[in-house]
Amino acid sequence: MKIRSRKFEGRCARHKKFNPAIDGPGAIKGGCTRCGLLLEIWEASLRLNQLIRKFDPHHDDLKRPAAEQPAHDPRQMSFIE
């Protein structure tokens, strides 16, 4: 199952400097709905990460799976043939 392959870079058109991770809910000016949605998205991503770590505590999403190396380099010429 592939879940976290999407990168999201959203900003409020009126409050471009609002960052929910740094500013928090107290920085939403005038009850702005777009800033509120950004905050909800950020909180949902935190919750998703917690659930993934609870399901598999050894999951390391920063480590990429190693690509399988062929037994020999196909570009290497063979003296036997």
PDB file of N, CA and C in Angstrom:
ATOM      1  N   MET A   1       0.849  -1.165   0.000  1.00  0.00           N
ATOM      2  CA  MET A   1       0.000   0.000   0.000  1.00  0.00           C
ATOM      3  C   MET A   1       0.900   1.236   0.000  1.00  0.00           C
ATOM      4  N   LYS A   2       0.612   2.171  -0.867  1.00  0.00           N
ATOM      5  CA  LYS A   2       1.413   3.378  -0.985  1.00  0.00           C
ATOM      6  C   LYS A   2       0.585   4.563  -0.498  1.00  0.00           C
ATOM      7  N   ILE A   3       1.053   5.237   0.548  1.00  0.00           N
ATOM      8  CA  ILE A   3       0.269   6.327   1.128  1.00  0.00           C
ATOM      9  C   ILE A   3       1.015   7.654   1.069  1.00  0.00           C
ATOM     10  N   ARG A   4       2.245   7.652   1.543  1.00  0.00           N
ATOM     11  CA  ARG A   4       2.927   8.925   1.743  1.00  0.00           C
ATOM     12  C   ARG A   4       3.836   9.323   0.588  1.00  0.00           C
ATOM     13  N   SER A   5       3.423   9.057  -0.622  1.00  0.00           N
ATOM     14  CA  SER A   5       4.241   9.437  -1.763  1.00  0.00           C
ATOM     15  C   SER A   5       3.879  10.831  -2.268  1.00  0.00           C
ATOM     16  N   ARG A   6       2.846  11.425  -1.731  1.00  0.00           N
ATOM     17  CA  ARG A   6       2.384  12.731  -2.192  1.00  0.00           C
ATOM     18  C   ARG A   6       3.016  13.846  -1.370  1.00  0.00           C
ATOM     19  N   LYS A   7       3.533  14.835  -2.068  1.00  0.00           N
ATOM     20  CA  LYS A   7       4.088  16.007  -1.399  1.00  0.00           C
ATOM     21  C   LYS A   7       3.080  17.144  -1.556  1.00  0.00           C
ATOM     22  N   PHE A   8       2.813  17.827  -0.475  1.00  0.00           N
ATOM     23  CA  PHE A   8       1.808  18.881  -0.494  1.00  0.00           C
ATOM     24  C   PHE A   8       2.444  20.190  -0.038  1.00  0.00           C
ATOM     25  N   GLU A   9       2.377  21.182  -0.873  1.00  0.00           N
ATOM     26  CA  GLU A   9       2.885  22.507  -0.519  1.00  0.00           C
ATOM     27  C   GLU A   9       1.751  23.506  -0.678  1.00  0.00           C
ATOM     28  N   GLY A  10       0.973  23.659   0.359  1.00  0.00           N
ATOM     29  CA  GLY A  10      -0.164  24.566   0.318  1.00  0.00           C
ATOM     30  C   GLY A  10       0.098  25.830   1.117  1.00  0.00           C
ATOM     31  N   ARG A  11      -0.432  26.918   0.646  1.00  0.00           N
ATOM     32  CA  ARG A  11      -0.337  28.208   1.337  1.00  0.00           C
ATOM     33  C   ARG A  11      -1.679  28.911   1.243  1.00  0.00           C
ATOM     34  N   CYS A  12      -1.965  29.700   2.246  1.00  0.00           N
ATOM     35  CA  CYS A  12      -3.163  30.529   2.210  1.00  0.00           C
ATOM     36  C   CYS A  12      -2.864  31.732   1.317  1.00  0.00           C
ATOM     37  N   ALA A  13      -3.820  32.097   0.483  1.00  0.00           N
ATOM     38  CA  ALA A  13      -3.611  33.222  -0.432  1.00  0.00           C
ATOM     39  C   ALA A  13      -3.490  34.548   0.325  1.00  0.00           C
ATOM     40  N   ARG A  14      -4.187  34.662   1.447  1.00  0.00           N
ATOM     41  CA  ARG A  14      -4.141  35.913   2.215  1.00  0.00           C
ATOM     42  C   ARG A  14      -3.018  35.928   3.246  1.00  0.00           C
ATOM     43  N   HIS A  15      -2.718  34.786   3.822  1.00  0.00           N
ATOM     44  CA  HIS A  15      -1.716  34.712   4.897  1.00  0.00           C
ATOM     45  C   HIS A  15      -0.590  33.779   4.464  1.00  0.00           C
ATOM     46  N   LYS A  16       0.243  34.255   3.568  1.00  0.00           N
ATOM     47  CA  LYS A  16       1.273  33.430   2.951  1.00  0.00           C
ATOM     48  C   LYS A  16       2.338  32.949   3.943  1.00  0.00           C
ATOM     49  N   LYS A  17       2.525  33.663   5.032  1.00  0.00           N
ATOM     50  CA  LYS A  17       3.562  33.292   5.998  1.00  0.00           C
ATOM     51  C   LYS A  17       3.064  32.335   7.066  1.00  0.00           C
ATOM     52  N   PHE A  18       1.785  31.976   7.048  1.00  0.00           N
ATOM     53  CA  PHE A  18       1.249  31.066   8.053  1.00  0.00           C
ATOM     54  C   PHE A  18       1.802  29.664   7.825  1.00  0.00           C
ATOM     55  N   ASN A  19       2.434  29.117   8.852  1.00  0.00           N
ATOM     56  CA  ASN A  19       2.958  27.759   8.823  1.00  0.00           C
ATOM     57  C   ASN A  19       2.383  27.039  10.042  1.00  0.00           C
ATOM     58  N   PRO A  20       1.489  26.068   9.832  1.00  0.00           N
ATOM     59  CA  PRO A  20       0.829  25.430  10.970  1.00  0.00           C
ATOM     60  C   PRO A  20       1.796  24.712  11.910  1.00  0.00           C
ATOM     61  N   ALA A  21       2.903  24.200  11.384  1.00  0.00           N
ATOM     62  CA  ALA A  21       3.857  23.483  12.222  1.00  0.00           C
ATOM     63  C   ALA A  21       4.575  24.419  13.186  1.00  0.00           C
ATOM     64  N   ILE A  22       4.801  25.639  12.771  1.00  0.00           N
ATOM     65  CA  ILE A  22       5.535  26.605  13.591  1.00  0.00           C
ATOM     66  C   ILE A  22       4.579  27.514  14.359  1.00  0.00           C
ATOM     67  N   ASP A  23       3.577  28.042  13.672  1.00  0.00           N
ATOM     68  CA  ASP A  23       2.704  29.061  14.256  1.00  0.00           C
ATOM     69  C   ASP A  23       1.603  28.484  15.140  1.00  0.00           C
ATOM     70  N   GLY A  24       1.047  27.341  14.757  1.00  0.00           N
ATOM     71  CA  GLY A  24      -0.013  26.724  15.547  1.00  0.00           C
ATOM     72  C   GLY A  24      -1.366  27.368  15.321  1.00  0.00           C
ATOM     73  N   PRO A  25      -2.389  26.874  16.003  1.00  0.00           N
ATOM     74  CA  PRO A  25      -3.753  27.373  15.778  1.00  0.00           C
ATOM     75  C   PRO A  25      -3.955  28.809  16.251  1.00  0.00           C
ATOM     76  N   GLY A  26      -3.141  29.300  17.164  1.00  0.00           N
ATOM     77  CA  GLY A  26      -3.313  30.660  17.661  1.00  0.00           C
ATOM     78  C   GLY A  26      -2.936  31.729  16.654  1.00  0.00           C
ATOM     79  N   ALA A  27      -2.248  31.345  15.594  1.00  0.00           N
ATOM     80  CA  ALA A  27      -1.817  32.323  14.593  1.00  0.00           C
ATOM     81  C   ALA A  27      -2.813  32.495  13.458  1.00  0.00           C
ATOM     82  N   ILE A  28      -3.919  31.767  13.486  1.00  0.00           N
ATOM     83  CA  ILE A  28      -4.934  31.917  12.435  1.00  0.00           C
ATOM     84  C   ILE A  28      -5.652  33.234  12.666  1.00  0.00           C
ATOM     85  N   LYS A  29      -5.574  34.117  11.682  1.00  0.00           N
ATOM     86  CA  LYS A  29      -6.128  35.460  11.813  1.00  0.00           C
ATOM     87  C   LYS A  29      -7.568  35.504  11.320  1.00  0.00           C
ATOM     88  N   GLY A  30      -8.437  36.004  12.157  1.00  0.00           N
ATOM     89  CA  GLY A  30      -9.829  36.232  11.772  1.00  0.00           C
ATOM     90  C   GLY A  30     -10.593  34.969  11.417  1.00  0.00           C
ATOM     91  N   GLY A  31     -10.177  33.831  11.934  1.00  0.00           N
ATOM     92  CA  GLY A  31     -10.881  32.586  11.633  1.00  0.00           C
ATOM     93  C   GLY A  31     -10.790  32.197  10.170  1.00  0.00           C
ATOM     94  N   CYS A  32      -9.661  32.469   9.530  1.00  0.00           N
ATOM     95  CA  CYS A  32      -9.474  32.173   8.103  1.00  0.00           C
ATOM     96  C   CYS A  32      -9.687  30.675   7.851  1.00  0.00           C
ATOM     97  N   THR A  33     -10.595  30.351   6.931  1.00  0.00           N
ATOM     98  CA  THR A  33     -10.933  28.952   6.672  1.00  0.00           C
ATOM     99  C   THR A  33      -9.781  28.208   5.995  1.00  0.00           C
ATOM    100  N   ARG A  34      -9.054  28.884   5.096  1.00  0.00           N
ATOM    101  CA  ARG A  34      -7.940  28.208   4.416  1.00  0.00           C
ATOM    102  C   ARG A  34      -6.807  27.904   5.394  1.00  0.00           C
ATOM    103  N   CYS A  35      -6.511  28.819   6.289  1.00  0.00           N
ATOM    104  CA  CYS A  35      -5.493  28.554   7.315  1.00  0.00           C
ATOM    105  C   CYS A  35      -5.951  27.419   8.224  1.00  0.00           C
ATOM    106  N   GLY A  36      -7.252  27.388   8.526  1.00  0.00           N
ATOM    107  CA  GLY A  36      -7.807  26.309   9.332  1.00  0.00           C
ATOM    108  C   GLY A  36      -7.670  24.961   8.640  1.00  0.00           C
ATOM    109  N   LEU A  37      -7.887  24.946   7.325  1.00  0.00           N
ATOM    110  CA  LEU A  37      -7.722  23.702   6.570  1.00  0.00           C
ATOM    111  C   LEU A  37      -6.260  23.256   6.552  1.00  0.00           C
ATOM    112  N   LEU A  38      -5.339  24.206   6.405  1.00  0.00           N
ATOM    113  CA  LEU A  38      -3.914  23.864   6.452  1.00  0.00           C
ATOM    114  C   LEU A  38      -3.556  23.244   7.799  1.00  0.00           C
ATOM    115  N   LEU A  39      -4.101  23.797   8.861  1.00  0.00           N
ATOM    116  CA  LEU A  39      -3.854  23.254  10.196  1.00  0.00           C
ATOM    117  C   LEU A  39      -4.411  21.836  10.317  1.00  0.00           C
ATOM    118  N   GLU A  40      -5.611  21.600   9.782  1.00  0.00           N
ATOM    119  CA  GLU A  40      -6.204  20.261   9.819  1.00  0.00           C
ATOM    120  C   GLU A  40      -5.368  19.264   9.026  1.00  0.00           C
ATOM    121  N   ILE A  41      -4.872  19.678   7.862  1.00  0.00           N
ATOM    122  CA  ILE A  41      -4.032  18.802   7.040  1.00  0.00           C
ATOM    123  C   ILE A  41      -2.762  18.444   7.797  1.00  0.00           C
ATOM    124  N   TRP A  42      -2.146  19.419   8.434  1.00  0.00           N
ATOM    125  CA  TRP A  42      -0.917  19.177   9.181  1.00  0.00           C
ATOM    126  C   TRP A  42      -1.167  18.220  10.357  1.00  0.00           C
ATOM    127  N   GLU A  43      -2.264  18.448  11.091  1.00  0.00           N
ATOM    128  CA  GLU A  43      -2.591  17.572  12.218  1.00  0.00           C
ATOM    129  C   GLU A  43      -2.898  16.153  11.747  1.00  0.00           C
ATOM    130  N   ALA A  44      -3.570  16.029  10.594  1.00  0.00           N
ATOM    131  CA  ALA A  44      -3.873  14.705  10.048  1.00  0.00           C
ATOM    132  C   ALA A  44      -2.589  13.982   9.642  1.00  0.00           C
ATOM    133  N   SER A  45      -1.616  14.720   9.111  1.00  0.00           N
ATOM    134  CA  SER A  45      -0.350  14.088   8.731  1.00  0.00           C
ATOM    135  C   SER A  45       0.405  13.598   9.965  1.00  0.00           C
ATOM    136  N   LEU A  46       0.345  14.368  11.054  1.00  0.00           N
ATOM    137  CA  LEU A  46       0.973  13.925  12.295  1.00  0.00           C
ATOM    138  C   LEU A  46       0.314  12.655  12.811  1.00  0.00           C
ATOM    139  N   ARG A  47      -1.001  12.611  12.751  1.00  0.00           N
ATOM    140  CA  ARG A  47      -1.746  11.443  13.211  1.00  0.00           C
ATOM    141  C   ARG A  47      -1.427  10.221  12.345  1.00  0.00           C
ATOM    142  N   LEU A  48      -1.321  10.426  11.033  1.00  0.00           N
ATOM    143  CA  LEU A  48      -0.983   9.333  10.126  1.00  0.00           C
ATOM    144  C   LEU A  48       0.400   8.774  10.466  1.00  0.00           C
ATOM    145  N   ASN A  49       1.372   9.645  10.702  1.00  0.00           N
ATOM    146  CA  ASN A  49       2.715   9.192  11.058  1.00  0.00           C
ATOM    147  C   ASN A  49       2.700   8.406  12.365  1.00  0.00           C
ATOM    148  N   GLN A  50       1.913   8.843  13.339  1.00  0.00           N
ATOM    149  CA  GLN A  50       1.810   8.125  14.604  1.00  0.00           C
ATOM    150  C   GLN A  50       1.229   6.730  14.393  1.00  0.00           C
ATOM    151  N   LEU A  51       0.200   6.625  13.567  1.00  0.00           N
ATOM    152  CA  LEU A  51      -0.423   5.326  13.314  1.00  0.00           C
ATOM    153  C   LEU A  51       0.530   4.382  12.588  1.00  0.00           C
ATOM    154  N   ILE A  52       1.298   4.909  11.638  1.00  0.00           N
ATOM    155  CA  ILE A  52       2.254   4.072  10.913  1.00  0.00           C
ATOM    156  C   ILE A  52       3.326   3.566  11.864  1.00  0.00           C
ATOM    157  N   ARG A  53       3.825   4.434  12.752  1.00  0.00           N
ATOM    158  CA  ARG A  53       4.841   4.010  13.717  1.00  0.00           C
ATOM    159  C   ARG A  53       4.272   3.013  14.736  1.00  0.00           C
ATOM    160  N   LYS A  54       2.996   3.152  15.055  1.00  0.00           N
ATOM    161  CA  LYS A  54       2.364   2.205  15.976  1.00  0.00           C
ATOM    162  C   LYS A  54       2.207   0.838  15.312  1.00  0.00           C
ATOM    163  N   PHE A  55       1.857   0.842  14.031  1.00  0.00           N
ATOM    164  CA  PHE A  55       1.685  -0.403  13.292  1.00  0.00           C
ATOM    165  C   PHE A  55       3.021  -1.106  13.081  1.00  0.00           C
ATOM    166  N   ASP A  56       4.066  -0.352  12.715  1.00  0.00           N
ATOM    167  CA  ASP A  56       5.392  -0.921  12.464  1.00  0.00           C
ATOM    168  C   ASP A  56       6.442  -0.010  13.090  1.00  0.00           C
ATOM    169  N   PRO A  57       6.833  -0.273  14.342  1.00  0.00           N
ATOM    170  CA  PRO A  57       7.786   0.596  15.030  1.00  0.00           C
ATOM    171  C   PRO A  57       9.156   0.655  14.361  1.00  0.00           C
ATOM    172  N   HIS A  58       9.488  -0.351  13.560  1.00  0.00           N
ATOM    173  CA  HIS A  58      10.805  -0.381  12.922  1.00  0.00           C
ATOM    174  C   HIS A  58      10.807   0.261  11.540  1.00  0.00           C
ATOM    175  N   HIS A  59       9.676   0.825  11.123  1.00  0.00           N
ATOM    176  CA  HIS A  59       9.584   1.437   9.801  1.00  0.00           C
ATOM    177  C   HIS A  59      10.446   2.689   9.751  1.00  0.00           C
ATOM    178  N   ASP A  60      11.302   2.761   8.738  1.00  0.00           N
ATOM    179  CA  ASP A  60      12.155   3.926   8.536  1.00  0.00           C
ATOM    180  C   ASP A  60      11.826   4.491   7.163  1.00  0.00           C
ATOM    181  N   ASP A  61      11.057   5.567   7.129  1.00  0.00           N
ATOM    182  CA  ASP A  61      10.635   6.113   5.840  1.00  0.00           C
ATOM    183  C   ASP A  61      11.718   6.954   5.174  1.00  0.00           C
ATOM    184  N   LEU A  62      12.808   7.230   5.871  1.00  0.00           N
ATOM    185  CA  LEU A  62      13.894   7.987   5.259  1.00  0.00           C
ATOM    186  C   LEU A  62      14.843   7.089   4.484  1.00  0.00           C
ATOM    187  N   LYS A  63      14.909   5.802   4.860  1.00  0.00           N
ATOM    188  CA  LYS A  63      15.814   4.876   4.194  1.00  0.00           C
ATOM    189  C   LYS A  63      15.133   4.320   2.951  1.00  0.00           C
ATOM    190  N   ARG A  64      15.774   4.471   1.817  1.00  0.00           N
ATOM    191  CA  ARG A  64      15.224   3.939   0.577  1.00  0.00           C
ATOM    192  C   ARG A  64      15.600   2.467   0.441  1.00  0.00           C
ATOM    193  N   PRO A  65      14.724   1.673  -0.155  1.00  0.00           N
ATOM    194  CA  PRO A  65      15.075   0.267  -0.350  1.00  0.00           C
ATOM    195  C   PRO A  65      16.252   0.146  -1.315  1.00  0.00           C
ATOM    196  N   ALA A  66      17.168  -0.745  -0.982  1.00  0.00           N
ATOM    197  CA  ALA A  66      18.358  -0.931  -1.807  1.00  0.00           C
ATOM    198  C   ALA A  66      17.976  -1.620  -3.112  1.00  0.00           C
ATOM    199  N   ALA A  67      18.516  -1.116  -4.207  1.00  0.00           N
ATOM    200  CA  ALA A  67      18.266  -1.722  -5.510  1.00  0.00           C
ATOM    201  C   ALA A  67      19.091  -3.005  -5.611  1.00  0.00           C
ATOM    202  N   GLU A  68      18.499  -4.031  -6.180  1.00  0.00           N
ATOM    203  CA  GLU A  68      19.192  -5.304  -6.307  1.00  0.00           C
ATOM    204  C   GLU A  68      20.297  -5.187  -7.347  1.00  0.00           C
ATOM    205  N   GLN A  69      21.487  -5.656  -6.991  1.00  0.00           N
ATOM    206  CA  GLN A  69      22.628  -5.660  -7.896  1.00  0.00           C
ATOM    207  C   GLN A  69      22.627  -6.964  -8.685  1.00  0.00           C
ATOM    208  N   PRO A  70      22.888  -6.914 -10.002  1.00  0.00           N
ATOM    209  CA  PRO A  70      22.980  -8.166 -10.756  1.00  0.00           C
ATOM    210  C   PRO A  70      24.212  -8.959 -10.305  1.00  0.00           C
ATOM    211  N   ALA A  71      24.188 -10.263 -10.548  1.00  0.00           N
ATOM    212  CA  ALA A  71      25.289 -11.126 -10.136  1.00  0.00           C
ATOM    213  C   ALA A  71      26.602 -10.662 -10.756  1.00  0.00           C
ATOM    214  N   HIS A  72      26.543 -10.204 -11.972  1.00  0.00           N
ATOM    215  CA  HIS A  72      27.723  -9.648 -12.629  1.00  0.00           C
ATOM    216  C   HIS A  72      27.298  -8.424 -13.429  1.00  0.00           C
ATOM    217  N   ASP A  73      28.238  -7.587 -13.736  1.00  0.00           N
ATOM    218  CA  ASP A  73      27.946  -6.389 -14.508  1.00  0.00           C
ATOM    219  C   ASP A  73      27.739  -6.781 -15.966  1.00  0.00           C
ATOM    220  N   PRO A  74      26.547  -6.552 -16.525  1.00  0.00           N
ATOM    221  CA  PRO A  74      26.282  -6.971 -17.911  1.00  0.00           C
ATOM    222  C   PRO A  74      27.143  -6.215 -18.931  1.00  0.00           C
ATOM    223  N   ARG A  75      27.730  -5.111 -18.522  1.00  0.00           N
ATOM    224  CA  ARG A  75      28.596  -4.359 -19.448  1.00  0.00           C
ATOM    225  C   ARG A  75      29.998  -4.955 -19.525  1.00  0.00           C
ATOM    226  N   GLN A  76      30.327  -5.806 -18.557  1.00  0.00           N
ATOM    227  CA  GLN A  76      31.667  -6.394 -18.510  1.00  0.00           C
ATOM    228  C   GLN A  76      31.763  -7.517 -19.541  1.00  0.00           C
ATOM    229  N   MET A  77      32.807  -7.478 -20.358  1.00  0.00           N
ATOM    230  CA  MET A  77      33.010  -8.521 -21.376  1.00  0.00           C
ATOM    231  C   MET A  77      33.541  -9.795 -20.706  1.00  0.00           C
ATOM    232  N   SER A  78      33.207 -10.917 -21.289  1.00  0.00           N
ATOM    233  CA  SER A  78      33.658 -12.197 -20.758  1.00  0.00           C
ATOM    234  C   SER A  78      34.782 -12.735 -21.628  1.00  0.00           C
ATOM    235  N   PHE A  79      35.874 -13.188 -20.979  1.00  0.00           N
ATOM    236  CA  PHE A  79      36.981 -13.775 -21.719  1.00  0.00           C
ATOM    237  C   PHE A  79      36.700 -15.241 -22.061  1.00  0.00           C
ATOM    238  N   ILE A  80      35.738 -15.864 -21.396  1.00  0.00           N
ATOM    239  CA  ILE A  80      35.450 -17.277 -21.584  1.00  0.00           C
ATOM    240  C   ILE A  80      34.652 -17.480 -22.864  1.00  0.00           C
ATOM    241  N   GLU A  81      33.783 -16.589 -23.205  1.00  0.00           N
ATOM    242  CA  GLU A  81      32.904 -16.777 -24.360  1.00  0.00           C
ATOM    243  C   GLU A  81      33.607 -16.505 -25.648  1.00  0.00           C
TER     244      GLU A  81
END
